[in-house]
């Protein structure tokens, strides 16, 4: 197997809601807005419905979104994974991403599995902390096993 870099996704959450659950668990809902740059570039919009085990614990992203590319294509994406609670200020994300598109130049992604690594970056402290999420996305390419 081999990894082929595809794009970098940068976004923040301008709107957010949460519910405190029994046992310290939390369910969140975030609206996401950002940009995508790389083999495809454009505007990103989406939502994330992550479950967090405790206020300071790990989370499980459940994100759906759309990239509107600069070349007028639409690429839908689905991301699942694991968000680690460390290191503080640059929490780690690992996950998988699946894409769907009817645009000829991106249709090959419809049966590709992609992986991502990323960070939840704290940009400002205080009563209204700002964060930015950055994901590096690569296509997992099949190669014959020796």
Protein backbone atom coordinates (compact mmCIF):
# COMPACT_ATOMS: atom_id res chain seq x y z
CA UNK A 1 0.00 0.00 0.00
CA UNK A 2 1.00 3.59 -0.53
CA UNK A 3 -0.31 7.02 0.47
CA UNK A 4 -0.82 9.72 -2.18
CA UNK A 5 -1.33 13.24 -0.76
CA UNK A 6 -4.62 14.81 -1.93
CA UNK A 7 -5.41 18.02 -0.09
CA UNK A 8 -5.34 20.04 3.10
CA UNK A 9 -8.67 20.98 4.67
CA UNK A 10 -8.80 23.99 7.03
CA UNK A 11 -12.00 24.93 8.80
CA UNK A 12 -13.58 26.27 11.94
CA UNK A 13 -16.96 25.95 13.60
CA UNK A 14 -18.92 29.23 13.46
CA UNK A 15 -21.95 27.59 15.15
CA UNK A 16 -22.05 24.86 17.82
CA UNK A 17 -24.46 23.08 20.17
CA UNK A 18 -23.95 20.41 22.84
CA UNK A 19 -25.80 18.16 25.25
CA UNK A 20 -24.39 16.86 28.55
CA UNK A 21 -25.14 13.15 28.93
CA UNK A 22 -24.97 10.71 31.82
CA UNK A 23 -21.56 9.46 32.87
CA UNK A 24 -19.84 12.64 31.69
CA UNK A 25 -20.40 11.94 28.00
CA UNK A 26 -21.21 14.81 25.64
CA UNK A 27 -22.86 14.97 22.23
CA UNK A 28 -21.91 17.94 20.06
CA UNK A 29 -23.14 19.37 16.77
CA UNK A 30 -20.96 21.79 14.80
CA UNK A 31 -21.42 23.64 11.51
CA UNK A 32 -18.11 23.82 9.65
CA UNK A 33 -16.79 26.35 7.12
CA UNK A 34 -13.40 26.47 5.49
CA UNK A 35 -11.19 25.86 2.49
CA UNK A 36 -9.52 23.00 0.69
CA UNK A 37 -6.15 23.23 -1.13
CA UNK A 38 -4.18 20.62 -3.05
CA UNK A 39 -5.10 18.37 -5.99
CA UNK A 40 -8.55 19.89 -5.51
CA UNK A 41 -9.12 23.40 -4.19
CA UNK A 42 -12.23 25.21 -3.16
CA UNK A 43 -14.71 26.01 -0.44
CA UNK A 44 -15.70 23.52 2.28
CA UNK A 45 -18.99 23.40 4.20
CA UNK A 46 -20.12 20.65 6.51
CA UNK A 47 -21.30 19.50 9.89
CA UNK A 48 -19.81 17.33 12.60
CA UNK A 49 -21.74 15.31 15.21
CA UNK A 50 -18.92 14.10 17.49
CA UNK A 51 -19.44 12.12 20.68
CA UNK A 52 -17.05 12.90 23.53
CA UNK A 53 -16.58 10.59 26.51
CA UNK A 54 -15.76 13.36 29.01
CA UNK A 55 -15.20 17.12 28.76
CA UNK A 56 -11.44 16.53 28.62
CA UNK A 57 -11.47 13.16 26.88
CA UNK A 58 -11.27 11.83 23.33
CA UNK A 59 -13.97 12.38 20.71
CA UNK A 60 -15.26 10.45 17.71
CA UNK A 61 -15.80 12.67 14.66
CA UNK A 62 -18.87 11.96 12.52
CA UNK A 63 -18.56 14.58 9.79
CA UNK A 64 -20.35 15.07 6.49
CA UNK A 65 -19.50 17.88 4.11
CA UNK A 66 -19.14 19.26 0.62
CA UNK A 67 -16.18 20.72 -1.23
CA UNK A 68 -17.23 23.15 -3.97
CA UNK A 69 -14.10 23.11 -6.13
CA UNK A 70 -12.61 26.04 -8.01
CA UNK A 71 -13.23 24.09 -11.24
CA UNK A 72 -17.01 23.99 -10.54
CA UNK A 73 -17.26 20.40 -9.24
CA UNK A 74 -19.02 19.17 -6.12
CA UNK A 75 -17.33 16.57 -3.93
CA UNK A 76 -19.22 15.16 -0.97
CA UNK A 77 -17.25 13.67 1.90
CA UNK A 78 -17.76 11.58 5.02
CA UNK A 79 -15.17 11.49 7.80
CA UNK A 80 -14.94 9.19 10.82
CA UNK A 81 -12.10 8.67 13.21
CA UNK A 82 -10.70 9.44 16.57
CA UNK A 83 -9.76 12.73 18.17
CA UNK A 84 -7.25 12.57 20.94
CA UNK A 85 -7.37 14.97 23.90
CA UNK A 86 -3.66 15.72 23.60
CA UNK A 87 -1.50 17.66 23.25
CA UNK A 88 -3.41 20.63 24.68
CA UNK A 89 -3.66 23.41 22.12
CA UNK A 90 -2.99 21.07 19.14
CA UNK A 91 -5.14 17.99 19.78
CA UNK A 92 -4.54 15.12 17.33
CA UNK A 93 -7.04 13.69 14.83
CA UNK A 94 -6.72 10.43 12.87
CA UNK A 95 -9.41 9.12 10.56
CA UNK A 96 -10.81 7.90 7.29
CA UNK A 97 -12.56 9.88 4.56
CA UNK A 98 -14.79 8.66 1.74
CA UNK A 99 -15.70 10.91 -1.21
CA UNK A 100 -18.51 11.00 -3.78
CA UNK A 101 -18.61 13.11 -6.96
CA UNK A 102 -20.25 12.99 -10.38
CA UNK A 103 -17.55 15.25 -11.86
CA UNK A 104 -15.40 13.26 -14.31
CA UNK A 105 -12.12 14.62 -12.91
CA UNK A 106 -12.98 13.42 -9.36
CA UNK A 107 -15.10 10.32 -10.03
CA UNK A 108 -12.12 8.03 -9.34
CA UNK A 109 -12.44 9.00 -5.65
CA UNK A 110 -15.87 7.30 -5.48
CA UNK A 111 -14.23 3.96 -4.69
CA UNK A 112 -11.11 5.22 -2.95
CA UNK A 113 -10.39 5.04 0.75
CA UNK A 114 -8.61 8.09 2.10
CA UNK A 115 -6.98 8.63 5.45
CA UNK A 116 -6.33 11.81 7.37
CA UNK A 117 -4.27 13.19 10.19
CA UNK A 118 -4.96 16.54 11.70
CA UNK A 119 -4.99 18.94 14.57
CA UNK A 120 -7.54 20.94 16.53
CA UNK A 121 -5.54 24.13 16.99
CA UNK A 122 -6.37 26.61 19.75
CA UNK A 123 -5.99 30.10 18.27
CA UNK A 124 -7.17 32.19 21.24
CA UNK A 125 -7.74 31.63 24.94
CA UNK A 126 -10.23 33.25 27.27
CA UNK A 127 -14.00 33.12 27.63
CA UNK A 128 -14.54 32.71 23.85
CA UNK A 129 -11.67 30.47 22.65
CA UNK A 130 -11.24 30.12 18.89
CA UNK A 131 -10.11 26.92 17.25
CA UNK A 132 -9.12 25.90 13.74
CA UNK A 133 -9.11 22.32 12.48
CA UNK A 134 -6.52 21.27 9.90
CA UNK A 135 -6.68 17.89 8.15
CA UNK A 136 -4.10 16.45 5.75
CA UNK A 137 -5.90 13.99 3.47
CA UNK A 138 -4.19 11.24 1.45
CA UNK A 139 -5.51 8.47 -0.79
CA UNK A 140 -4.68 4.96 0.38
CA UNK A 141 -3.55 3.25 -2.82
CA UNK A 142 -3.76 -0.51 -3.27
CA UNK A 143 -0.62 -2.33 -4.35
CA UNK A 144 -0.12 -6.06 -4.83
CA UNK A 145 1.08 -8.01 -1.79
CA UNK A 146 4.36 -9.87 -2.34
